[in-house]
Amino acid sequence: MSHRPQQHQVRDLLISYFWSGDAIRSRRVSDIVLSGTVDVPVPPARLLADWARETSSRLILEPGDVEAMPLARARARWPDYTRCVQAVSDWACALGLPGVLAASDVALMACRGAKYHHDGEQYGGAAFCNLFLSEDRGQDLHFPSLGHRIPLTRGTVVIFDTCQPHGVIQRRSSGFNVADFPPGQDCTQLFLTWELPIEDAHVGHALKVAFDIAPSTSLQLHEEQIRLNGARASVCPDSGRWCRAD
């Protein structure tokens, strides 16, 4: 009687090497995405008009671009800003993340869709918390490696590992396509984003991050990076698939 050898599926090992103080530390990339919807009011018409001018005349966003917007000026014209922040803070607190927003850097961002990317070569020591402020434009935040698609509407809030490939694509599309964001069509998403420290005990626990899993490699590196099965990796901007870095 013969026995076939058992087939064991080997899961890809994705490791983020990130700066921790003045040393490089290693960690697993989390496959957890926390998402929900909070009640945030429509931004004032004056502020929306200001954002439209900024994105069309100064930033001139191309399809797939993600750029920073002036937050201080926006806050001066945004009486409900504090209410928006509080709504996200309450949501995060209910997930076991008390006080992390208040201690984190915040920025206002705009995108016209977003090509697939990871942020592990600049923000490997962080998780992102994003609050989307635009109305439903028929777009999804897509995590291709995880099979998660999150419809973007006003009040959509999400926390995820910066190293997890993600993009903003049309709801009917399976990948990023420039033609899905034609000139003259309002495809812009505005969102607030916080950098949550991945080493914060609450953040690491919520995303189930395992630290110091490749200490010998960490000692040899001098810059942040992501390695897939030992080789430095990058993300295909159209499909979101991992590939070997050039």
C-alpha atoms as a PDB file:
ATOM      1  CA  MET A   1       0.000   0.000   0.000  1.00  0.00           C
ATOM      2  CA  SER A   2       1.532   3.276  -1.092  1.00  0.00           C
ATOM      3  CA  HIS A   3       1.027   6.666   0.481  1.00  0.00           C
ATOM      4  CA  ARG A   4       1.185   9.911  -1.425  1.00  0.00           C
ATOM      5  CA  PRO A   5       3.373  12.534   0.196  1.00  0.00           C
ATOM      6  CA  GLN A   6       1.289  15.214   1.837  1.00  0.00           C
ATOM      7  CA  GLN A   7       1.213  18.553   0.089  1.00  0.00           C
ATOM      8  CA  HIS A   8       1.958  21.378   2.496  1.00  0.00           C
ATOM      9  CA  GLN A   9       1.212  24.882   1.265  1.00  0.00           C
ATOM     10  CA  VAL A  10       4.145  27.129   2.095  1.00  0.00           C
ATOM     11  CA  ARG A  11       2.915  30.599   2.884  1.00  0.00           C
ATOM     12  CA  ASP A  12       4.969  33.464   1.527  1.00  0.00           C
ATOM     13  CA  LEU A  13       7.034  35.046   4.268  1.00  0.00           C
ATOM     14  CA  LEU A  14       6.696  38.818   4.097  1.00  0.00           C
ATOM     15  CA  ILE A  15       9.002  40.757   6.420  1.00  0.00           C
ATOM     16  CA  SER A  16       9.225  44.499   6.991  1.00  0.00           C
ATOM     17  CA  TYR A  17      12.598  45.893   8.054  1.00  0.00           C
ATOM     18  CA  PHE A  18      12.003  49.295   9.618  1.00  0.00           C
ATOM     19  CA  TRP A  19      13.806  51.941  11.628  1.00  0.00           C
ATOM     20  CA  SER A  20      13.308  51.676  15.387  1.00  0.00           C
ATOM     21  CA  GLY A  21      15.293  54.532  16.884  1.00  0.00           C
ATOM     22  CA  ASP A  22      18.732  54.212  15.290  1.00  0.00           C
ATOM     23  CA  ALA A  23      18.476  50.481  14.544  1.00  0.00           C
ATOM     24  CA  ILE A  24      16.677  48.386  11.921  1.00  0.00           C
ATOM     25  CA  ARG A  25      14.112  45.998  13.392  1.00  0.00           C
ATOM     26  CA  SER A  26      12.176  43.185  11.654  1.00  0.00           C
ATOM     27  CA  ARG A  27       8.499  42.289  11.809  1.00  0.00           C
ATOM     28  CA  ARG A  28       5.806  40.314  10.025  1.00  0.00           C
ATOM     29  CA  VAL A  29       3.507  42.275   7.719  1.00  0.00           C
ATOM     30  CA  SER A  30      -0.019  42.175   9.132  1.00  0.00           C
ATOM     31  CA  ASP A  31      -2.868  40.769   7.043  1.00  0.00           C
ATOM     32  CA  ILE A  32      -5.487  42.436   9.246  1.00  0.00           C
ATOM     33  CA  VAL A  33      -7.518  45.378   7.931  1.00  0.00           C
ATOM     34  CA  LEU A  34      -9.839  47.138  10.371  1.00  0.00           C
ATOM     35  CA  SER A  35     -12.635  49.096   8.695  1.00  0.00           C
ATOM     36  CA  GLY A  36     -15.929  50.743   9.498  1.00  0.00           C
ATOM     37  CA  THR A  37     -18.030  53.846   8.952  1.00  0.00           C
ATOM     38  CA  VAL A  38     -18.301  56.835  11.262  1.00  0.00           C
ATOM     39  CA  ASP A  39     -20.755  59.729  11.149  1.00  0.00           C
ATOM     40  CA  VAL A  40     -18.971  62.801   9.808  1.00  0.00           C
ATOM     41  CA  PRO A  41     -20.756  65.860   8.381  1.00  0.00           C
ATOM     42  CA  VAL A  42     -20.336  67.104   4.823  1.00  0.00           C
ATOM     43  CA  PRO A  43     -17.433  69.575   4.704  1.00  0.00           C
ATOM     44  CA  PRO A  44     -18.570  73.197   4.138  1.00  0.00           C
ATOM     45  CA  ALA A  45     -19.122  74.302   0.524  1.00  0.00           C
ATOM     46  CA  ARG A  46     -16.354  76.910   0.841  1.00  0.00           C
ATOM     47  CA  LEU A  47     -13.885  74.225   1.883  1.00  0.00           C
ATOM     48  CA  LEU A  48     -14.975  71.832  -0.877  1.00  0.00           C
ATOM     49  CA  ALA A  49     -14.479  74.620  -3.437  1.00  0.00           C
ATOM     50  CA  ASP A  50     -11.036  75.329  -1.989  1.00  0.00           C
ATOM     51  CA  TRP A  51     -10.098  71.647  -2.267  1.00  0.00           C
ATOM     52  CA  ALA A  52     -11.357  71.504  -5.874  1.00  0.00           C
ATOM     53  CA  ARG A  53      -9.163  74.492  -6.810  1.00  0.00           C
ATOM     54  CA  GLU A  54      -6.165  73.017  -5.009  1.00  0.00           C
ATOM     55  CA  THR A  55      -6.396  69.610  -6.689  1.00  0.00           C
ATOM     56  CA  SER A  56      -7.100  70.961 -10.191  1.00  0.00           C
ATOM     57  CA  SER A  57      -4.810  73.995 -10.426  1.00  0.00           C
ATOM     58  CA  ARG A  58      -1.905  73.488  -8.002  1.00  0.00           C
ATOM     59  CA  LEU A  59      -1.548  69.727  -7.531  1.00  0.00           C
ATOM     60  CA  ILE A  60      -2.880  68.815 -10.998  1.00  0.00           C
ATOM     61  CA  LEU A  61      -3.485  65.231  -9.896  1.00  0.00           C
ATOM     62  CA  GLU A  62      -2.873  62.607 -12.543  1.00  0.00           C
ATOM     63  CA  PRO A  63      -4.669  59.231 -12.327  1.00  0.00           C
ATOM     64  CA  GLY A  64      -3.025  57.190  -9.594  1.00  0.00           C
ATOM     65  CA  ASP A  65      -1.424  60.150  -7.796  1.00  0.00           C
ATOM     66  CA  VAL A  66      -1.592  60.572  -4.010  1.00  0.00           C
ATOM     67  CA  GLU A  67      -0.516  63.998  -2.745  1.00  0.00           C
ATOM     68  CA  ALA A  68      -0.560  65.999   0.490  1.00  0.00           C
ATOM     69  CA  MET A  69      -2.936  68.956   0.890  1.00  0.00           C
ATOM     70  CA  PRO A  70      -2.532  72.005   3.182  1.00  0.00           C
ATOM     71  CA  LEU A  71      -4.163  70.927   6.455  1.00  0.00           C
ATOM     72  CA  ALA A  72      -3.694  74.125   8.481  1.00  0.00           C
ATOM     73  CA  ARG A  73      -5.614  76.181   5.916  1.00  0.00           C
ATOM     74  CA  ALA A  74      -8.350  73.558   5.717  1.00  0.00           C
ATOM     75  CA  ARG A  75      -8.788  73.507   9.494  1.00  0.00           C
ATOM     76  CA  ALA A  76      -9.363  77.269   9.512  1.00  0.00           C
ATOM     77  CA  ARG A  77     -12.368  76.749   7.220  1.00  0.00           C
ATOM     78  CA  TRP A  78     -13.587  73.503   8.744  1.00  0.00           C
ATOM     79  CA  PRO A  79     -15.659  73.979  11.912  1.00  0.00           C
ATOM     80  CA  ASP A  80     -16.382  70.233  12.145  1.00  0.00           C
ATOM     81  CA  TYR A  81     -12.731  69.142  11.944  1.00  0.00           C
ATOM     82  CA  THR A  82     -12.565  68.342  15.667  1.00  0.00           C
ATOM     83  CA  ARG A  83     -15.823  66.398  15.418  1.00  0.00           C
ATOM     84  CA  CYS A  84     -14.384  64.296  12.572  1.00  0.00           C
ATOM     85  CA  VAL A  85     -11.239  63.508  14.557  1.00  0.00           C
ATOM     86  CA  GLN A  86     -13.282  62.625  17.636  1.00  0.00           C
ATOM     87  CA  ALA A  87     -15.459  60.229  15.624  1.00  0.00           C
ATOM     88  CA  VAL A  88     -12.387  58.334  14.413  1.00  0.00           C
ATOM     89  CA  SER A  89     -10.818  58.415  17.876  1.00  0.00           C
ATOM     90  CA  ASP A  90     -13.969  56.917  19.444  1.00  0.00           C
ATOM     91  CA  TRP A  91     -14.079  54.212  16.765  1.00  0.00           C
ATOM     92  CA  ALA A  92     -10.407  53.336  17.307  1.00  0.00           C
ATOM     93  CA  CYS A  93     -10.868  53.325  21.076  1.00  0.00           C
ATOM     94  CA  ALA A  94     -13.710  50.794  20.731  1.00  0.00           C
ATOM     95  CA  LEU A  95     -11.240  48.538  18.859  1.00  0.00           C
ATOM     96  CA  GLY A  96      -8.769  48.659  21.743  1.00  0.00           C
ATOM     97  CA  LEU A  97      -6.701  51.596  20.496  1.00  0.00           C
ATOM     98  CA  PRO A  98      -7.166  54.300  23.134  1.00  0.00           C
ATOM     99  CA  GLY A  99      -5.326  57.581  22.641  1.00  0.00           C
ATOM    100  CA  VAL A 100      -3.274  56.506  19.612  1.00  0.00           C
ATOM    101  CA  LEU A 101      -4.686  59.184  17.280  1.00  0.00           C
ATOM    102  CA  ALA A 102      -3.899  62.021  19.671  1.00  0.00           C
ATOM    103  CA  ALA A 103      -0.266  60.895  19.824  1.00  0.00           C
ATOM    104  CA  SER A 104       0.115  60.458  16.040  1.00  0.00           C
ATOM    105  CA  ASP A 105       0.974  62.747  13.130  1.00  0.00           C
ATOM    106  CA  VAL A 106      -2.001  63.624  10.906  1.00  0.00           C
ATOM    107  CA  ALA A 107      -2.075  64.831   7.292  1.00  0.00           C
ATOM    108  CA  LEU A 108      -4.725  65.753   4.721  1.00  0.00           C
ATOM    109  CA  MET A 109      -4.327  63.858   1.458  1.00  0.00           C
ATOM    110  CA  ALA A 110      -5.911  63.804  -1.989  1.00  0.00           C
ATOM    111  CA  CYS A 111      -5.821  61.054  -4.598  1.00  0.00           C
ATOM    112  CA  ARG A 112      -7.210  60.486  -8.075  1.00  0.00           C
ATOM    113  CA  GLY A 113      -7.415  56.771  -7.633  1.00  0.00           C
ATOM    114  CA  ALA A 114      -4.168  55.256  -6.364  1.00  0.00           C
ATOM    115  CA  LYS A 115      -1.820  52.902  -8.152  1.00  0.00           C
ATOM    116  CA  TYR A 116      -1.021  49.811  -6.120  1.00  0.00           C
ATOM    117  CA  HIS A 117       1.873  50.376  -3.776  1.00  0.00           C
ATOM    118  CA  HIS A 118       3.217  49.682  -0.328  1.00  0.00           C
ATOM    119  CA  ASP A 119       4.666  52.304   2.007  1.00  0.00           C
ATOM    120  CA  GLY A 120       7.151  50.062   3.775  1.00  0.00           C
ATOM    121  CA  GLU A 121      10.256  51.830   2.492  1.00  0.00           C
ATOM    122  CA  GLN A 122       9.251  55.061   4.224  1.00  0.00           C
ATOM    123  CA  TYR A 123       6.621  54.146   6.822  1.00  0.00           C
ATOM    124  CA  GLY A 124       7.572  50.607   7.817  1.00  0.00           C
ATOM    125  CA  GLY A 125       7.301  51.574  11.477  1.00  0.00           C
ATOM    126  CA  ALA A 126       3.672  52.657  11.156  1.00  0.00           C
ATOM    127  CA  ALA A 127       0.116  51.610  10.470  1.00  0.00           C
ATOM    128  CA  PHE A 128      -2.158  54.029   8.625  1.00  0.00           C
ATOM    129  CA  CYS A 129      -5.527  55.172   9.903  1.00  0.00           C
ATOM    130  CA  ASN A 130      -7.508  56.865   7.120  1.00  0.00           C
ATOM    131  CA  LEU A 131     -10.799  58.755   7.268  1.00  0.00           C
ATOM    132  CA  PHE A 132     -12.347  59.324   3.837  1.00  0.00           C
ATOM    133  CA  LEU A 133     -14.202  62.622   3.419  1.00  0.00           C
ATOM    134  CA  SER A 134     -15.541  62.512  -0.153  1.00  0.00           C
ATOM    135  CA  GLU A 135     -18.914  61.251  -1.308  1.00  0.00           C
ATOM    136  CA  ASP A 136     -19.167  57.844  -2.979  1.00  0.00           C
ATOM    137  CA  ARG A 137     -17.315  58.099  -6.309  1.00  0.00           C
ATOM    138  CA  GLY A 138     -17.730  54.414  -7.165  1.00  0.00           C
ATOM    139  CA  GLN A 139     -14.242  53.580  -5.913  1.00  0.00           C
ATOM    140  CA  ASP A 140     -12.862  50.914  -3.581  1.00  0.00           C
ATOM    141  CA  LEU A 141      -9.788  50.697  -1.412  1.00  0.00           C
ATOM    142  CA  HIS A 142      -8.395  47.345  -2.578  1.00  0.00           C
ATOM    143  CA  PHE A 143      -5.946  45.032  -0.805  1.00  0.00           C
ATOM    144  CA  PRO A 144      -5.202  42.516  -3.580  1.00  0.00           C
ATOM    145  CA  SER A 145      -3.096  40.102  -1.500  1.00  0.00           C
ATOM    146  CA  LEU A 146      -5.913  39.810   1.039  1.00  0.00           C
ATOM    147  CA  GLY A 147      -8.938  39.910  -1.253  1.00  0.00           C
ATOM    148  CA  HIS A 148     -10.396  42.888   0.659  1.00  0.00           C
ATOM    149  CA  ARG A 149     -12.324  45.644  -1.140  1.00  0.00           C
ATOM    150  CA  ILE A 150     -13.677  48.495   0.949  1.00  0.00           C
ATOM    151  CA  PRO A 151     -16.208  50.835  -0.728  1.00  0.00           C
ATOM    152  CA  LEU A 152     -15.142  54.448  -0.185  1.00  0.00           C
ATOM    153  CA  THR A 153     -17.866  56.786   1.043  1.00  0.00           C
ATOM    154  CA  ARG A 154     -17.882  59.781   3.357  1.00  0.00           C
ATOM    155  CA  GLY A 155     -17.063  58.459   6.815  1.00  0.00           C
ATOM    156  CA  THR A 156     -15.266  55.276   5.721  1.00  0.00           C
ATOM    157  CA  VAL A 157     -12.461  54.657   8.217  1.00  0.00           C
ATOM    158  CA  VAL A 158      -9.731  52.051   7.943  1.00  0.00           C
ATOM    159  CA  ILE A 159      -6.583  50.972   9.807  1.00  0.00           C
ATOM    160  CA  PHE A 160      -4.013  48.807   8.027  1.00  0.00           C
ATOM    161  CA  ASP A 161      -0.345  47.894   7.854  1.00  0.00           C
ATOM    162  CA  THR A 162       1.565  50.373   5.665  1.00  0.00           C
ATOM    163  CA  CYS A 163       3.472  47.451   4.124  1.00  0.00           C
ATOM    164  CA  GLN A 164       0.343  45.699   2.842  1.00  0.00           C
ATOM    165  CA  PRO A 165      -0.125  46.411  -0.923  1.00  0.00           C
ATOM    166  CA  HIS A 166      -3.125  48.665  -1.545  1.00  0.00           C
ATOM    167  CA  GLY A 167      -4.660  50.885  -4.191  1.00  0.00           C
ATOM    168  CA  VAL A 168      -7.807  52.869  -4.961  1.00  0.00           C
ATOM    169  CA  ILE A 169      -9.601  51.508  -8.024  1.00  0.00           C
ATOM    170  CA  GLN A 170     -12.971  51.676  -9.747  1.00  0.00           C
ATOM    171  CA  ARG A 171     -15.534  49.366  -8.163  1.00  0.00           C
ATOM    172  CA  ARG A 172     -16.123  47.454 -11.413  1.00  0.00           C
ATOM    173  CA  SER A 173     -12.386  46.992 -12.083  1.00  0.00           C
ATOM    174  CA  SER A 174     -10.088  44.175 -11.026  1.00  0.00           C
ATOM    175  CA  GLY A 175      -6.975  46.370 -11.080  1.00  0.00           C
ATOM    176  CA  PHE A 176      -5.733  49.913 -11.539  1.00  0.00           C
ATOM    177  CA  ASN A 177      -6.455  51.398 -14.972  1.00  0.00           C
ATOM    178  CA  VAL A 178      -5.690  55.006 -15.937  1.00  0.00           C
ATOM    179  CA  ALA A 179      -8.714  55.020 -18.276  1.00  0.00           C
ATOM    180  CA  ASP A 180     -11.000  54.566 -15.242  1.00  0.00           C
ATOM    181  CA  PHE A 181     -10.162  58.140 -14.168  1.00  0.00           C
ATOM    182  CA  PRO A 182     -10.893  60.273 -17.263  1.00  0.00           C
ATOM    183  CA  PRO A 183     -10.292  64.039 -17.456  1.00  0.00           C
ATOM    184  CA  GLY A 184     -13.333  66.125 -16.595  1.00  0.00           C
ATOM    185  CA  GLN A 185     -14.784  63.514 -14.227  1.00  0.00           C
ATOM    186  CA  ASP A 186     -14.667  64.138 -10.483  1.00  0.00           C
ATOM    187  CA  CYS A 187     -12.621  61.154  -9.303  1.00  0.00           C
ATOM    188  CA  THR A 188     -10.808  62.815  -6.412  1.00  0.00           C
ATOM    189  CA  GLN A 189     -10.841  61.384  -2.904  1.00  0.00           C
ATOM    190  CA  LEU A 190      -9.925  63.542   0.104  1.00  0.00           C
ATOM    191  CA  PHE A 191      -8.909  61.822   3.313  1.00  0.00           C
ATOM    192  CA  LEU A 192      -7.241  62.407   6.655  1.00  0.00           C
ATOM    193  CA  THR A 193      -4.446  60.001   7.497  1.00  0.00           C
ATOM    194  CA  TRP A 194      -2.713  59.287  10.791  1.00  0.00           C
ATOM    195  CA  GLU A 195       0.605  57.456  11.210  1.00  0.00           C
ATOM    196  CA  LEU A 196       0.097  55.070  14.113  1.00  0.00           C
ATOM    197  CA  PRO A 197       3.362  53.716  15.593  1.00  0.00           C
ATOM    198  CA  ILE A 198       3.464  49.988  14.895  1.00  0.00           C
ATOM    199  CA  GLU A 199       5.533  49.469  18.061  1.00  0.00           C
ATOM    200  CA  ASP A 200       2.732  50.885  20.204  1.00  0.00           C
ATOM    201  CA  ALA A 201       1.488  47.915  22.229  1.00  0.00           C
ATOM    202  CA  HIS A 202      -2.166  48.559  21.330  1.00  0.00           C
ATOM    203  CA  VAL A 203      -1.445  48.935  17.598  1.00  0.00           C
ATOM    204  CA  GLY A 204       0.799  45.869  17.431  1.00  0.00           C
ATOM    205  CA  HIS A 205      -1.798  43.813  19.298  1.00  0.00           C
ATOM    206  CA  ALA A 206      -4.743  44.969  17.159  1.00  0.00           C
ATOM    207  CA  LEU A 207      -2.886  44.060  13.957  1.00  0.00           C
ATOM    208  CA  LYS A 208      -1.297  40.925  15.494  1.00  0.00           C
ATOM    209  CA  VAL A 209       2.220  41.948  14.492  1.00  0.00           C
ATOM    210  CA  ALA A 210       5.092  39.602  15.397  1.00  0.00           C
ATOM    211  CA  PHE A 211       8.370  41.468  15.964  1.00  0.00           C
ATOM    212  CA  ASP A 212      12.063  40.576  15.656  1.00  0.00           C
ATOM    213  CA  ILE A 213      11.499  37.548  13.442  1.00  0.00           C
ATOM    214  CA  ALA A 214      14.743  38.007  11.440  1.00  0.00           C
ATOM    215  CA  PRO A 215      17.221  39.665  13.806  1.00  0.00           C
ATOM    216  CA  SER A 216      20.373  38.558  11.972  1.00  0.00           C
ATOM    217  CA  THR A 217      19.207  40.114   8.685  1.00  0.00           C
ATOM    218  CA  SER A 218      18.165  43.310  10.481  1.00  0.00           C
ATOM    219  CA  LEU A 219      21.755  43.838  11.631  1.00  0.00           C
ATOM    220  CA  GLN A 220      22.981  43.819   8.007  1.00  0.00           C
ATOM    221  CA  LEU A 221      20.557  46.442   6.641  1.00  0.00           C
ATOM    222  CA  HIS A 222      20.863  50.212   6.493  1.00  0.00           C
ATOM    223  CA  GLU A 223      17.488  51.213   5.006  1.00  0.00           C
ATOM    224  CA  GLU A 224      13.810  50.311   5.349  1.00  0.00           C
ATOM    225  CA  GLN A 225      12.566  47.641   2.975  1.00  0.00           C
ATOM    226  CA  ILE A 226      10.257  44.675   2.499  1.00  0.00           C
ATOM    227  CA  ARG A 227      11.523  41.200   1.705  1.00  0.00           C
ATOM    228  CA  LEU A 228       9.406  38.379   0.339  1.00  0.00           C
ATOM    229  CA  ASN A 229      10.898  34.953   1.027  1.00  0.00           C
ATOM    230  CA  GLY A 230      14.269  36.603   1.583  1.00  0.00           C
ATOM    231  CA  ALA A 231      14.389  38.788  -1.548  1.00  0.00           C
ATOM    232  CA  ARG A 232      13.679  42.508  -1.632  1.00  0.00           C
ATOM    233  CA  ALA A 233      10.202  43.008  -3.071  1.00  0.00           C
ATOM    234  CA  SER A 234       8.147  45.676  -4.812  1.00  0.00           C
ATOM    235  CA  VAL A 235       4.530  45.908  -5.985  1.00  0.00           C
ATOM    236  CA  CYS A 236       3.192  45.945  -9.556  1.00  0.00           C
ATOM    237  CA  PRO A 237       1.332  49.291  -9.791  1.00  0.00           C
ATOM    238  CA  ASP A 238      -1.422  47.896 -12.042  1.00  0.00           C
ATOM    239  CA  SER A 239      -2.188  44.492 -10.454  1.00  0.00           C
ATOM    240  CA  GLY A 240      -0.893  44.898  -6.892  1.00  0.00           C
ATOM    241  CA  ARG A 241       1.045  41.645  -7.128  1.00  0.00           C
ATOM    242  CA  TRP A 242       4.384  41.275  -5.400  1.00  0.00           C
ATOM    243  CA  CYS A 243       7.450  41.109  -7.641  1.00  0.00           C
ATOM    244  CA  ARG A 244      11.188  41.105  -7.134  1.00  0.00           C
ATOM    245  CA  ALA A 245      12.567  44.616  -6.681  1.00  0.00           C
ATOM    246  CA  ASP A 246      14.899  45.832  -9.445  1.00  0.00           C
END
